């Protein structure tokens, strides 16, 4: 069980790192920051909600196994959070700020 949590934490770090390192260039900073904040807030709300609901359901069904219910809630909520961040990043780069809407960078001297 601890190994799976370690894998989850590594995936979480990679997805968050990729999300911020794939910010599109040539777009208004304020809009980009607002969109990034909205995506991360949505990911936290979705992950927290899904994790909490699954934790409550699992803790009622298996009342003696609270640890397993906690693990299920963390993994399911965390996975939902990762999916929202990944899909939000793709939507940000491909739909909201596509290449056609970006200002080309100035050539380096």
PDB file of N, CA and C in Angstrom:
ATOM      1  N   UNK A   1       0.821  -1.184   0.000  1.00  0.00           N
ATOM      2  CA  UNK A   1       0.000   0.000   0.000  1.00  0.00           C
ATOM      3  C   UNK A   1       0.877   1.263   0.000  1.00  0.00           C
ATOM      4  N   UNK A   2       1.978   1.229   0.715  1.00  0.00           N
ATOM      5  CA  UNK A   2       2.859   2.397   0.767  1.00  0.00           C
ATOM      6  C   UNK A   2       3.527   2.648  -0.580  1.00  0.00           C
ATOM      7  N   UNK A   3       3.816   1.562  -1.303  1.00  0.00           N
ATOM      8  CA  UNK A   3       4.430   1.697  -2.617  1.00  0.00           C
ATOM      9  C   UNK A   3       3.482   2.403  -3.582  1.00  0.00           C
ATOM     10  N   UNK A   4       2.192   2.096  -3.493  1.00  0.00           N
ATOM     11  CA  UNK A   4       1.213   2.748  -4.367  1.00  0.00           C
ATOM     12  C   UNK A   4       1.094   4.240  -4.046  1.00  0.00           C
ATOM     13  N   UNK A   5       1.161   4.587  -2.773  1.00  0.00           N
ATOM     14  CA  UNK A   5       1.129   6.005  -2.411  1.00  0.00           C
ATOM     15  C   UNK A   5       2.370   6.727  -2.925  1.00  0.00           C
ATOM     16  N   UNK A   6       3.508   6.055  -2.894  1.00  0.00           N
ATOM     17  CA  UNK A   6       4.731   6.641  -3.427  1.00  0.00           C
ATOM     18  C   UNK A   6       4.610   6.874  -4.930  1.00  0.00           C
ATOM     19  N   UNK A   7       4.062   5.902  -5.641  1.00  0.00           N
ATOM     20  CA  UNK A   7       3.840   6.064  -7.080  1.00  0.00           C
ATOM     21  C   UNK A   7       2.877   7.224  -7.338  1.00  0.00           C
ATOM     22  N   UNK A   8       1.824   7.316  -6.528  1.00  0.00           N
ATOM     23  CA  UNK A   8       0.878   8.413  -6.678  1.00  0.00           C
ATOM     24  C   UNK A   8       1.551   9.759  -6.465  1.00  0.00           C
ATOM     25  N   UNK A   9       2.374   9.881  -5.447  1.00  0.00           N
ATOM     26  CA  UNK A   9       3.060  11.152  -5.181  1.00  0.00           C
ATOM     27  C   UNK A   9       4.008  11.530  -6.316  1.00  0.00           C
ATOM     28  N   UNK A  10       4.693  10.550  -6.888  1.00  0.00           N
ATOM     29  CA  UNK A  10       5.571  10.820  -8.030  1.00  0.00           C
ATOM     30  C   UNK A  10       4.742  11.305  -9.217  1.00  0.00           C
ATOM     31  N   UNK A  11       3.627  10.636  -9.485  1.00  0.00           N
ATOM     32  CA  UNK A  11       2.757  11.067 -10.583  1.00  0.00           C
ATOM     33  C   UNK A  11       2.200  12.467 -10.337  1.00  0.00           C
ATOM     34  N   UNK A  12       1.839  12.747  -9.107  1.00  0.00           N
ATOM     35  CA  UNK A  12       1.331  14.076  -8.768  1.00  0.00           C
ATOM     36  C   UNK A  12       2.374  15.145  -9.049  1.00  0.00           C
ATOM     37  N   UNK A  13       3.600  14.899  -8.626  1.00  0.00           N
ATOM     38  CA  UNK A  13       4.685  15.864  -8.876  1.00  0.00           C
ATOM     39  C   UNK A  13       4.926  16.046 -10.373  1.00  0.00           C
ATOM     40  N   UNK A  14       4.928  14.955 -11.130  1.00  0.00           N
ATOM     41  CA  UNK A  14       5.159  15.045 -12.568  1.00  0.00           C
ATOM     42  C   UNK A  14       4.044  15.806 -13.292  1.00  0.00           C
ATOM     43  N   UNK A  15       2.805  15.552 -12.913  1.00  0.00           N
ATOM     44  CA  UNK A  15       1.681  16.232 -13.570  1.00  0.00           C
ATOM     45  C   UNK A  15       1.690  17.722 -13.246  1.00  0.00           C
ATOM     46  N   UNK A  16       1.916  18.072 -11.992  1.00  0.00           N
ATOM     47  CA  UNK A  16       1.954  19.491 -11.617  1.00  0.00           C
ATOM     48  C   UNK A  16       3.143  20.181 -12.281  1.00  0.00           C
ATOM     49  N   UNK A  17       4.297  19.525 -12.306  1.00  0.00           N
ATOM     50  CA  UNK A  17       5.479  20.090 -12.970  1.00  0.00           C
ATOM     51  C   UNK A  17       5.184  20.302 -14.454  1.00  0.00           C
ATOM     52  N   UNK A  18       4.620  19.298 -15.110  1.00  0.00           N
ATOM     53  CA  UNK A  18       4.291  19.415 -16.532  1.00  0.00           C
ATOM     54  C   UNK A  18       3.249  20.474 -16.811  1.00  0.00           C
ATOM     55  N   UNK A  19       2.300  20.618 -15.894  1.00  0.00           N
ATOM     56  CA  UNK A  19       1.256  21.624 -16.064  1.00  0.00           C
ATOM     57  C   UNK A  19       1.855  23.026 -16.115  1.00  0.00           C
ATOM     58  N   UNK A  20       2.752  23.323 -15.191  1.00  0.00           N
ATOM     59  CA  UNK A  20       3.323  24.667 -15.148  1.00  0.00           C
ATOM     60  C   UNK A  20       4.434  24.870 -16.174  1.00  0.00           C
ATOM     61  N   UNK A  21       5.125  23.832 -16.559  1.00  0.00           N
ATOM     62  CA  UNK A  21       6.197  23.982 -17.548  1.00  0.00           C
ATOM     63  C   UNK A  21       5.686  23.946 -18.986  1.00  0.00           C
ATOM     64  N   UNK A  22       4.402  23.710 -19.163  1.00  0.00           N
ATOM     65  CA  UNK A  22       3.837  23.757 -20.510  1.00  0.00           C
ATOM     66  C   UNK A  22       2.944  24.976 -20.696  1.00  0.00           C
ATOM     67  N   UNK A  23       3.132  25.993 -19.846  1.00  0.00           N
ATOM     68  CA  UNK A  23       2.385  27.237 -20.024  1.00  0.00           C
ATOM     69  C   UNK A  23       2.653  27.793 -21.414  1.00  0.00           C
ATOM     70  N   UNK A  24       1.601  28.166 -22.133  1.00  0.00           N
ATOM     71  CA  UNK A  24       1.821  28.708 -23.472  1.00  0.00           C
ATOM     72  C   UNK A  24       2.479  30.085 -23.418  1.00  0.00           C
ATOM     73  N   UNK A  25       3.401  30.317 -24.314  1.00  0.00           N
ATOM     74  CA  UNK A  25       4.067  31.623 -24.416  1.00  0.00           C
ATOM     75  C   UNK A  25       3.256  32.518 -25.356  1.00  0.00           C
ATOM     76  N   UNK A  26       3.346  33.804 -25.134  1.00  0.00           N
ATOM     77  CA  UNK A  26       2.684  34.755 -26.023  1.00  0.00           C
ATOM     78  C   UNK A  26       1.210  34.961 -25.720  1.00  0.00           C
ATOM     79  N   UNK A  27       0.802  34.685 -24.490  1.00  0.00           N
ATOM     80  CA  UNK A  27      -0.585  34.927 -24.087  1.00  0.00           C
ATOM     81  C   UNK A  27      -0.572  35.908 -22.913  1.00  0.00           C
ATOM     82  N   UNK A  28      -1.674  36.617 -22.682  1.00  0.00           N
ATOM     83  CA  UNK A  28      -1.715  37.562 -21.554  1.00  0.00           C
ATOM     84  C   UNK A  28      -1.495  36.852 -20.219  1.00  0.00           C
ATOM     85  N   UNK A  29      -0.550  37.364 -19.423  1.00  0.00           N
ATOM     86  CA  UNK A  29      -0.184  36.730 -18.150  1.00  0.00           C
ATOM     87  C   UNK A  29      -1.358  36.659 -17.178  1.00  0.00           C
ATOM     88  N   UNK A  30      -2.161  37.716 -17.118  1.00  0.00           N
ATOM     89  CA  UNK A  30      -3.271  37.749 -16.175  1.00  0.00           C
ATOM     90  C   UNK A  30      -4.291  36.655 -16.509  1.00  0.00           C
ATOM     91  N   UNK A  31      -4.618  36.527 -17.791  1.00  0.00           N
ATOM     92  CA  UNK A  31      -5.564  35.489 -18.209  1.00  0.00           C
ATOM     93  C   UNK A  31      -4.998  34.099 -17.945  1.00  0.00           C
ATOM     94  N   UNK A  32      -3.706  33.930 -18.196  1.00  0.00           N
ATOM     95  CA  UNK A  32      -3.065  32.635 -17.971  1.00  0.00           C
ATOM     96  C   UNK A  32      -3.072  32.279 -16.488  1.00  0.00           C
ATOM     97  N   UNK A  33      -2.730  33.240 -15.634  1.00  0.00           N
ATOM     98  CA  UNK A  33      -2.738  32.979 -14.190  1.00  0.00           C
ATOM     99  C   UNK A  33      -4.144  32.681 -13.685  1.00  0.00           C
ATOM    100  N   UNK A  34      -5.127  33.424 -14.187  1.00  0.00           N
ATOM    101  CA  UNK A  34      -6.515  33.183 -13.770  1.00  0.00           C
ATOM    102  C   UNK A  34      -6.974  31.789 -14.202  1.00  0.00           C
ATOM    103  N   UNK A  35      -6.649  31.407 -15.421  1.00  0.00           N
ATOM    104  CA  UNK A  35      -7.043  30.091 -15.919  1.00  0.00           C
ATOM    105  C   UNK A  35      -6.330  28.979 -15.154  1.00  0.00           C
ATOM    106  N   UNK A  36      -5.022  29.147 -14.905  1.00  0.00           N
ATOM    107  CA  UNK A  36      -4.284  28.148 -14.127  1.00  0.00           C
ATOM    108  C   UNK A  36      -4.884  28.005 -12.732  1.00  0.00           C
ATOM    109  N   UNK A  37      -5.219  29.118 -12.096  1.00  0.00           N
ATOM    110  CA  UNK A  37      -5.841  29.071 -10.780  1.00  0.00           C
ATOM    111  C   UNK A  37      -7.187  28.377 -10.804  1.00  0.00           C
ATOM    112  N   UNK A  38      -7.972  28.651 -11.840  1.00  0.00           N
ATOM    113  CA  UNK A  38      -9.286  28.015 -11.962  1.00  0.00           C
ATOM    114  C   UNK A  38      -9.154  26.506 -12.173  1.00  0.00           C
ATOM    115  N   UNK A  39      -8.207  26.099 -13.004  1.00  0.00           N
ATOM    116  CA  UNK A  39      -7.986  24.669 -13.249  1.00  0.00           C
ATOM    117  C   UNK A  39      -7.551  23.968 -11.962  1.00  0.00           C
ATOM    118  N   UNK A  40      -6.609  24.565 -11.236  1.00  0.00           N
ATOM    119  CA  UNK A  40      -6.144  23.944  -9.994  1.00  0.00           C
ATOM    120  C   UNK A  40      -7.243  23.920  -8.932  1.00  0.00           C
ATOM    121  N   UNK A  41      -8.047  24.980  -8.847  1.00  0.00           N
ATOM    122  CA  UNK A  41      -9.158  25.002  -7.889  1.00  0.00           C
ATOM    123  C   UNK A  41     -10.187  23.920  -8.233  1.00  0.00           C
ATOM    124  N   UNK A  42     -10.511  23.796  -9.514  1.00  0.00           N
ATOM    125  CA  UNK A  42     -11.448  22.760  -9.954  1.00  0.00           C
ATOM    126  C   UNK A  42     -10.897  21.369  -9.647  1.00  0.00           C
ATOM    127  N   UNK A  43      -9.595  21.187  -9.855  1.00  0.00           N
ATOM    128  CA  UNK A  43      -8.971  19.888  -9.578  1.00  0.00           C
ATOM    129  C   UNK A  43      -9.047  19.558  -8.090  1.00  0.00           C
ATOM    130  N   UNK A  44      -8.781  20.533  -7.238  1.00  0.00           N
ATOM    131  CA  UNK A  44      -8.853  20.297  -5.795  1.00  0.00           C
ATOM    132  C   UNK A  44     -10.281  20.021  -5.337  1.00  0.00           C
ATOM    133  N   UNK A  45     -11.234  20.752  -5.881  1.00  0.00           N
ATOM    134  CA  UNK A  45     -12.637  20.536  -5.506  1.00  0.00           C
ATOM    135  C   UNK A  45     -13.107  19.162  -5.977  1.00  0.00           C
ATOM    136  N   UNK A  46     -12.809  18.821  -7.230  1.00  0.00           N
ATOM    137  CA  UNK A  46     -13.228  17.519  -7.766  1.00  0.00           C
ATOM    138  C   UNK A  46     -12.549  16.375  -7.018  1.00  0.00           C
ATOM    139  N   UNK A  47     -11.250  16.484  -6.816  1.00  0.00           N
ATOM    140  CA  UNK A  47     -10.523  15.425  -6.115  1.00  0.00           C
ATOM    141  C   UNK A  47     -10.974  15.276  -4.680  1.00  0.00           C
ATOM    142  N   UNK A  48     -11.145  16.399  -3.997  1.00  0.00           N
ATOM    143  CA  UNK A  48     -11.600  16.346  -2.610  1.00  0.00           C
ATOM    144  C   UNK A  48     -13.008  15.781  -2.479  1.00  0.00           C
ATOM    145  N   UNK A  49     -13.889  16.185  -3.369  1.00  0.00           N
ATOM    146  CA  UNK A  49     -15.270  15.699  -3.322  1.00  0.00           C
ATOM    147  C   UNK A  49     -15.346  14.203  -3.597  1.00  0.00           C
ATOM    148  N   UNK A  50     -14.695  13.774  -4.656  1.00  0.00           N
ATOM    149  CA  UNK A  50     -14.717  12.358  -5.012  1.00  0.00           C
ATOM    150  C   UNK A  50     -14.052  11.516  -3.931  1.00  0.00           C
ATOM    151  N   UNK A  51     -12.915  11.965  -3.451  1.00  0.00           N
ATOM    152  CA  UNK A  51     -12.222  11.231  -2.396  1.00  0.00           C
ATOM    153  C   UNK A  51     -13.045  11.128  -1.131  1.00  0.00           C
ATOM    154  N   UNK A  52     -13.696  12.218  -0.742  1.00  0.00           N
ATOM    155  CA  UNK A  52     -14.488  12.222   0.483  1.00  0.00           C
ATOM    156  C   UNK A  52     -15.710  11.322   0.356  1.00  0.00           C
ATOM    157  N   UNK A  53     -16.395  11.381  -0.779  1.00  0.00           N
ATOM    158  CA  UNK A  53     -17.582  10.536  -0.991  1.00  0.00           C
ATOM    159  C   UNK A  53     -17.184   9.066  -0.979  1.00  0.00           C
ATOM    160  N   UNK A  54     -16.100   8.724  -1.656  1.00  0.00           N
ATOM    161  CA  UNK A  54     -15.669   7.318  -1.660  1.00  0.00           C
ATOM    162  C   UNK A  54     -15.193   6.878  -0.286  1.00  0.00           C
ATOM    163  N   UNK A  55     -14.538   7.766   0.451  1.00  0.00           N
ATOM    164  CA  UNK A  55     -14.127   7.437   1.811  1.00  0.00           C
ATOM    165  C   UNK A  55     -15.346   7.144   2.679  1.00  0.00           C
ATOM    166  N   UNK A  56     -16.358   7.998   2.610  1.00  0.00           N
ATOM    167  CA  UNK A  56     -17.562   7.789   3.416  1.00  0.00           C
ATOM    168  C   UNK A  56     -18.247   6.484   3.041  1.00  0.00           C
ATOM    169  N   UNK A  57     -18.355   6.217   1.756  1.00  0.00           N
ATOM    170  CA  UNK A  57     -19.005   4.992   1.302  1.00  0.00           C
ATOM    171  C   UNK A  57     -18.218   3.761   1.740  1.00  0.00           C
ATOM    172  N   UNK A  58     -16.916   3.784   1.580  1.00  0.00           N
ATOM    173  CA  UNK A  58     -16.099   2.628   1.945  1.00  0.00           C
ATOM    174  C   UNK A  58     -16.048   2.432   3.451  1.00  0.00           C
ATOM    175  N   UNK A  59     -16.077   3.505   4.225  1.00  0.00           N
ATOM    176  CA  UNK A  59     -16.014   3.351   5.676  1.00  0.00           C
ATOM    177  C   UNK A  59     -17.326   2.806   6.241  1.00  0.00           C
ATOM    178  N   UNK A  60     -18.442   3.013   5.539  1.00  0.00           N
ATOM    179  CA  UNK A  60     -19.719   2.449   5.981  1.00  0.00           C
ATOM    180  C   UNK A  60     -19.794   0.970   5.610  1.00  0.00           C
ATOM    181  N   UNK A  61     -19.367   0.637   4.412  1.00  0.00           N
ATOM    182  CA  UNK A  61     -19.434  -0.745   3.950  1.00  0.00           C
ATOM    183  C   UNK A  61     -18.475  -1.626   4.737  1.00  0.00           C
ATOM    184  N   UNK A  62     -17.259  -1.172   4.938  1.00  0.00           N
ATOM    185  CA  UNK A  62     -16.240  -1.934   5.670  1.00  0.00           C
ATOM    186  C   UNK A  62     -15.884  -1.160   6.933  1.00  0.00           C
ATOM    187  N   UNK A  63     -16.758  -1.190   7.906  1.00  0.00           N
ATOM    188  CA  UNK A  63     -16.601  -0.366   9.106  1.00  0.00           C
ATOM    189  C   UNK A  63     -15.315  -0.664   9.866  1.00  0.00           C
ATOM    190  N   UNK A  64     -14.826  -1.877   9.838  1.00  0.00           N
ATOM    191  CA  UNK A  64     -13.619  -2.224  10.582  1.00  0.00           C
ATOM    192  C   UNK A  64     -12.333  -1.906   9.855  1.00  0.00           C
ATOM    193  N   UNK A  65     -12.419  -1.458   8.632  1.00  0.00           N
ATOM    194  CA  UNK A  65     -11.224  -1.213   7.817  1.00  0.00           C
ATOM    195  C   UNK A  65     -11.137   0.254   7.421  1.00  0.00           C
ATOM    196  N   UNK A  66     -10.962   1.114   8.397  1.00  0.00           N
ATOM    197  CA  UNK A  66     -10.875   2.548   8.145  1.00  0.00           C
ATOM    198  C   UNK A  66      -9.643   2.900   7.316  1.00  0.00           C
ATOM    199  N   UNK A  67      -8.546   2.185   7.518  1.00  0.00           N
ATOM    200  CA  UNK A  67      -7.325   2.457   6.762  1.00  0.00           C
ATOM    201  C   UNK A  67      -7.526   2.245   5.278  1.00  0.00           C
ATOM    202  N   UNK A  68      -8.224   1.181   4.923  1.00  0.00           N
ATOM    203  CA  UNK A  68      -8.495   0.901   3.521  1.00  0.00           C
ATOM    204  C   UNK A  68      -9.421   1.961   2.925  1.00  0.00           C
ATOM    205  N   UNK A  69     -10.397   2.407   3.699  1.00  0.00           N
ATOM    206  CA  UNK A  69     -11.298   3.462   3.222  1.00  0.00           C
ATOM    207  C   UNK A  69     -10.535   4.764   2.991  1.00  0.00           C
ATOM    208  N   UNK A  70      -9.614   5.080   3.888  1.00  0.00           N
ATOM    209  CA  UNK A  70      -8.789   6.284   3.728  1.00  0.00           C
ATOM    210  C   UNK A  70      -7.923   6.173   2.490  1.00  0.00           C
ATOM    211  N   UNK A  71      -7.308   5.020   2.301  1.00  0.00           N
ATOM    212  CA  UNK A  71      -6.458   4.774   1.140  1.00  0.00           C
ATOM    213  C   UNK A  71      -7.267   4.916  -0.148  1.00  0.00           C
ATOM    214  N   UNK A  72      -8.450   4.316  -0.180  1.00  0.00           N
ATOM    215  CA  UNK A  72      -9.306   4.401  -1.362  1.00  0.00           C
ATOM    216  C   UNK A  72      -9.682   5.848  -1.660  1.00  0.00           C
ATOM    217  N   UNK A  73     -10.030   6.605  -0.622  1.00  0.00           N
ATOM    218  CA  UNK A  73     -10.394   8.004  -0.821  1.00  0.00           C
ATOM    219  C   UNK A  73      -9.241   8.831  -1.354  1.00  0.00           C
ATOM    220  N   UNK A  74      -8.047   8.612  -0.806  1.00  0.00           N
ATOM    221  CA  UNK A  74      -6.872   9.365  -1.259  1.00  0.00           C
ATOM    222  C   UNK A  74      -6.534   9.016  -2.702  1.00  0.00           C
ATOM    223  N   UNK A  75      -6.527   7.746  -3.022  1.00  0.00           N
ATOM    224  CA  UNK A  75      -6.138   7.334  -4.376  1.00  0.00           C
ATOM    225  C   UNK A  75      -7.178   7.762  -5.418  1.00  0.00           C
ATOM    226  N   UNK A  76      -8.451   7.584  -5.121  1.00  0.00           N
ATOM    227  CA  UNK A  76      -9.482   7.953  -6.090  1.00  0.00           C
ATOM    228  C   UNK A  76      -9.581   9.469  -6.242  1.00  0.00           C
ATOM    229  N   UNK A  77      -9.556  10.185  -5.123  1.00  0.00           N
ATOM    230  CA  UNK A  77      -9.604  11.644  -5.200  1.00  0.00           C
ATOM    231  C   UNK A  77      -8.365  12.212  -5.858  1.00  0.00           C
ATOM    232  N   UNK A  78      -7.221  11.635  -5.547  1.00  0.00           N
ATOM    233  CA  UNK A  78      -5.975  12.090  -6.162  1.00  0.00           C
ATOM    234  C   UNK A  78      -5.941  11.825  -7.650  1.00  0.00           C
ATOM    235  N   UNK A  79      -6.457  10.680  -8.051  1.00  0.00           N
ATOM    236  CA  UNK A  79      -6.514  10.364  -9.480  1.00  0.00           C
ATOM    237  C   UNK A  79      -7.436  11.328 -10.204  1.00  0.00           C
ATOM    238  N   UNK A  80      -8.574  11.644  -9.604  1.00  0.00           N
ATOM    239  CA  UNK A  80      -9.487  12.627 -10.208  1.00  0.00           C
ATOM    240  C   UNK A  80      -8.799  13.980 -10.335  1.00  0.00           C
ATOM    241  N   UNK A  81      -8.051  14.360  -9.315  1.00  0.00           N
ATOM    242  CA  UNK A  81      -7.316  15.627  -9.344  1.00  0.00           C
ATOM    243  C   UNK A  81      -6.289  15.630 -10.473  1.00  0.00           C
ATOM    244  N   UNK A  82      -5.552  14.537 -10.621  1.00  0.00           N
ATOM    245  CA  UNK A  82      -4.554  14.436 -11.692  1.00  0.00           C
ATOM    246  C   UNK A  82      -5.214  14.517 -13.069  1.00  0.00           C
ATOM    247  N   UNK A  83      -6.332  13.860 -13.241  1.00  0.00           N
ATOM    248  CA  UNK A  83      -7.019  13.872 -14.528  1.00  0.00           C
ATOM    249  C   UNK A  83      -7.511  15.275 -14.862  1.00  0.00           C
ATOM    250  N   UNK A  84      -8.074  15.980 -13.884  1.00  0.00           N
ATOM    251  CA  UNK A  84      -8.568  17.342 -14.127  1.00  0.00           C
ATOM    252  C   UNK A  84      -7.412  18.272 -14.499  1.00  0.00           C
ATOM    253  N   UNK A  85      -6.276  18.154 -13.799  1.00  0.00           N
ATOM    254  CA  UNK A  85      -5.122  19.009 -14.115  1.00  0.00           C
ATOM    255  C   UNK A  85      -4.595  18.692 -15.515  1.00  0.00           C
ATOM    256  N   UNK A  86      -4.481  17.417 -15.859  1.00  0.00           N
ATOM    257  CA  UNK A  86      -3.966  17.042 -17.181  1.00  0.00           C
ATOM    258  C   UNK A  86      -4.914  17.494 -18.300  1.00  0.00           C
ATOM    259  N   UNK A  87      -6.192  17.238 -18.146  1.00  0.00           N
ATOM    260  CA  UNK A  87      -7.161  17.633 -19.172  1.00  0.00           C
ATOM    261  C   UNK A  87      -7.272  19.158 -19.232  1.00  0.00           C
ATOM    262  N   UNK A  88      -7.240  19.812 -18.076  1.00  0.00           N
ATOM    263  CA  UNK A  88      -7.274  21.273 -18.058  1.00  0.00           C
ATOM    264  C   UNK A  88      -6.078  21.879 -18.757  1.00  0.00           C
ATOM    265  N   UNK A  89      -4.895  21.305 -18.560  1.00  0.00           N
ATOM    266  CA  UNK A  89      -3.697  21.781 -19.246  1.00  0.00           C
ATOM    267  C   UNK A  89      -3.788  21.599 -20.750  1.00  0.00           C
ATOM    268  N   UNK A  90      -4.322  20.464 -21.182  1.00  0.00           N
ATOM    269  CA  UNK A  90      -4.504  20.232 -22.616  1.00  0.00           C
ATOM    270  C   UNK A  90      -5.515  21.209 -23.207  1.00  0.00           C
ATOM    271  N   UNK A  91      -6.620  21.414 -22.503  1.00  0.00           N
ATOM    272  CA  UNK A  91      -7.628  22.361 -22.987  1.00  0.00           C
ATOM    273  C   UNK A  91      -7.058  23.781 -23.044  1.00  0.00           C
ATOM    274  N   UNK A  92      -6.266  24.130 -22.038  1.00  0.00           N
ATOM    275  CA  UNK A  92      -5.641  25.459 -21.998  1.00  0.00           C
ATOM    276  C   UNK A  92      -4.753  25.655 -23.225  1.00  0.00           C
ATOM    277  N   UNK A  93      -3.932  24.678 -23.538  1.00  0.00           N
ATOM    278  CA  UNK A  93      -2.955  24.831 -24.619  1.00  0.00           C
ATOM    279  C   UNK A  93      -3.535  24.612 -26.008  1.00  0.00           C
ATOM    280  N   UNK A  94      -4.575  23.794 -26.135  1.00  0.00           N
ATOM    281  CA  UNK A  94      -5.085  23.459 -27.464  1.00  0.00           C
ATOM    282  C   UNK A  94      -6.368  24.182 -27.847  1.00  0.00           C
ATOM    283  N   UNK A  95      -7.199  24.547 -26.858  1.00  0.00           N
ATOM    284  CA  UNK A  95      -8.503  25.141 -27.167  1.00  0.00           C
ATOM    285  C   UNK A  95      -8.564  26.613 -26.761  1.00  0.00           C
ATOM    286  N   UNK A  96      -8.195  26.922 -25.527  1.00  0.00           N
ATOM    287  CA  UNK A  96      -8.336  28.287 -25.028  1.00  0.00           C
ATOM    288  C   UNK A  96      -7.239  29.194 -25.566  1.00  0.00           C
ATOM    289  N   UNK A  97      -5.995  28.717 -25.552  1.00  0.00           N
ATOM    290  CA  UNK A  97      -4.866  29.474 -26.092  1.00  0.00           C
ATOM    291  C   UNK A  97      -4.185  28.675 -27.204  1.00  0.00           C
ATOM    292  N   UNK A  98      -4.881  28.453 -28.338  1.00  0.00           N
ATOM    293  CA  UNK A  98      -4.235  27.704 -29.425  1.00  0.00           C
ATOM    294  C   UNK A  98      -3.119  28.532 -30.057  1.00  0.00           C
ATOM    295  N   UNK A  99      -2.312  27.899 -30.850  1.00  0.00           N
ATOM    296  CA  UNK A  99      -1.187  28.585 -31.494  1.00  0.00           C
ATOM    297  C   UNK A  99      -1.640  29.801 -32.301  1.00  0.00           C
ATOM    298  N   UNK A 100      -2.833  29.735 -32.884  1.00  0.00           N
ATOM    299  CA  UNK A 100      -3.324  30.849 -33.703  1.00  0.00           C
ATOM    300  C   UNK A 100      -3.619  32.102 -32.880  1.00  0.00           C
ATOM    301  N   UNK A 101      -3.838  31.970 -31.563  1.00  0.00           N
ATOM    302  CA  UNK A 101      -4.142  33.121 -30.709  1.00  0.00           C
ATOM    303  C   UNK A 101      -2.922  33.640 -29.955  1.00  0.00           C
ATOM    304  N   UNK A 102      -1.775  33.029 -30.148  1.00  0.00           N
ATOM    305  CA  UNK A 102      -0.591  33.429 -29.404  1.00  0.00           C
ATOM    306  C   UNK A 102       0.211  34.439 -30.198  1.00  0.00           C
ATOM    307  N   UNK A 103       0.841  35.352 -29.466  1.00  0.00           N
ATOM    308  CA  UNK A 103       1.715  36.349 -30.084  1.00  0.00           C
ATOM    309  C   UNK A 103       3.085  35.709 -30.244  1.00  0.00           C
ATOM    310  N   UNK A 104       3.662  35.769 -31.445  1.00  0.00           N
ATOM    311  CA  UNK A 104       4.988  35.166 -31.626  1.00  0.00           C
ATOM    312  C   UNK A 104       6.038  35.879 -30.762  1.00  0.00           C
ATOM    313  N   UNK A 105       6.963  35.105 -30.255  1.00  0.00           N
ATOM    314  CA  UNK A 105       8.035  35.677 -29.431  1.00  0.00           C
ATOM    315  C   UNK A 105       8.990  36.473 -30.305  1.00  0.00           C
ATOM    316  N   UNK A 106       9.557  37.523 -29.718  1.00  0.00           N
ATOM    317  CA  UNK A 106      10.535  38.350 -30.445  1.00  0.00           C
ATOM    318  C   UNK A 106      11.799  37.542 -30.666  1.00  0.00           C
ATOM    319  N   UNK A 107      12.449  37.704 -31.835  1.00  0.00           N
ATOM    320  CA  UNK A 107      13.693  36.957 -32.076  1.00  0.00           C
ATOM    321  C   UNK A 107      14.791  37.422 -31.145  1.00  0.00           C
ATOM    322  N   UNK A 108      15.604  36.467 -30.721  1.00  0.00           N
ATOM    323  CA  UNK A 108      16.707  36.795 -29.817  1.00  0.00           C
ATOM    324  C   UNK A 108      17.850  37.446 -30.580  1.00  0.00           C
ATOM    325  N   UNK A 109      18.504  38.371 -29.934  1.00  0.00           N
ATOM    326  CA  UNK A 109      19.601  39.084 -30.599  1.00  0.00           C
ATOM    327  C   UNK A 109      20.926  38.440 -30.303  1.00  0.00           C
TER     328      UNK A 109
END
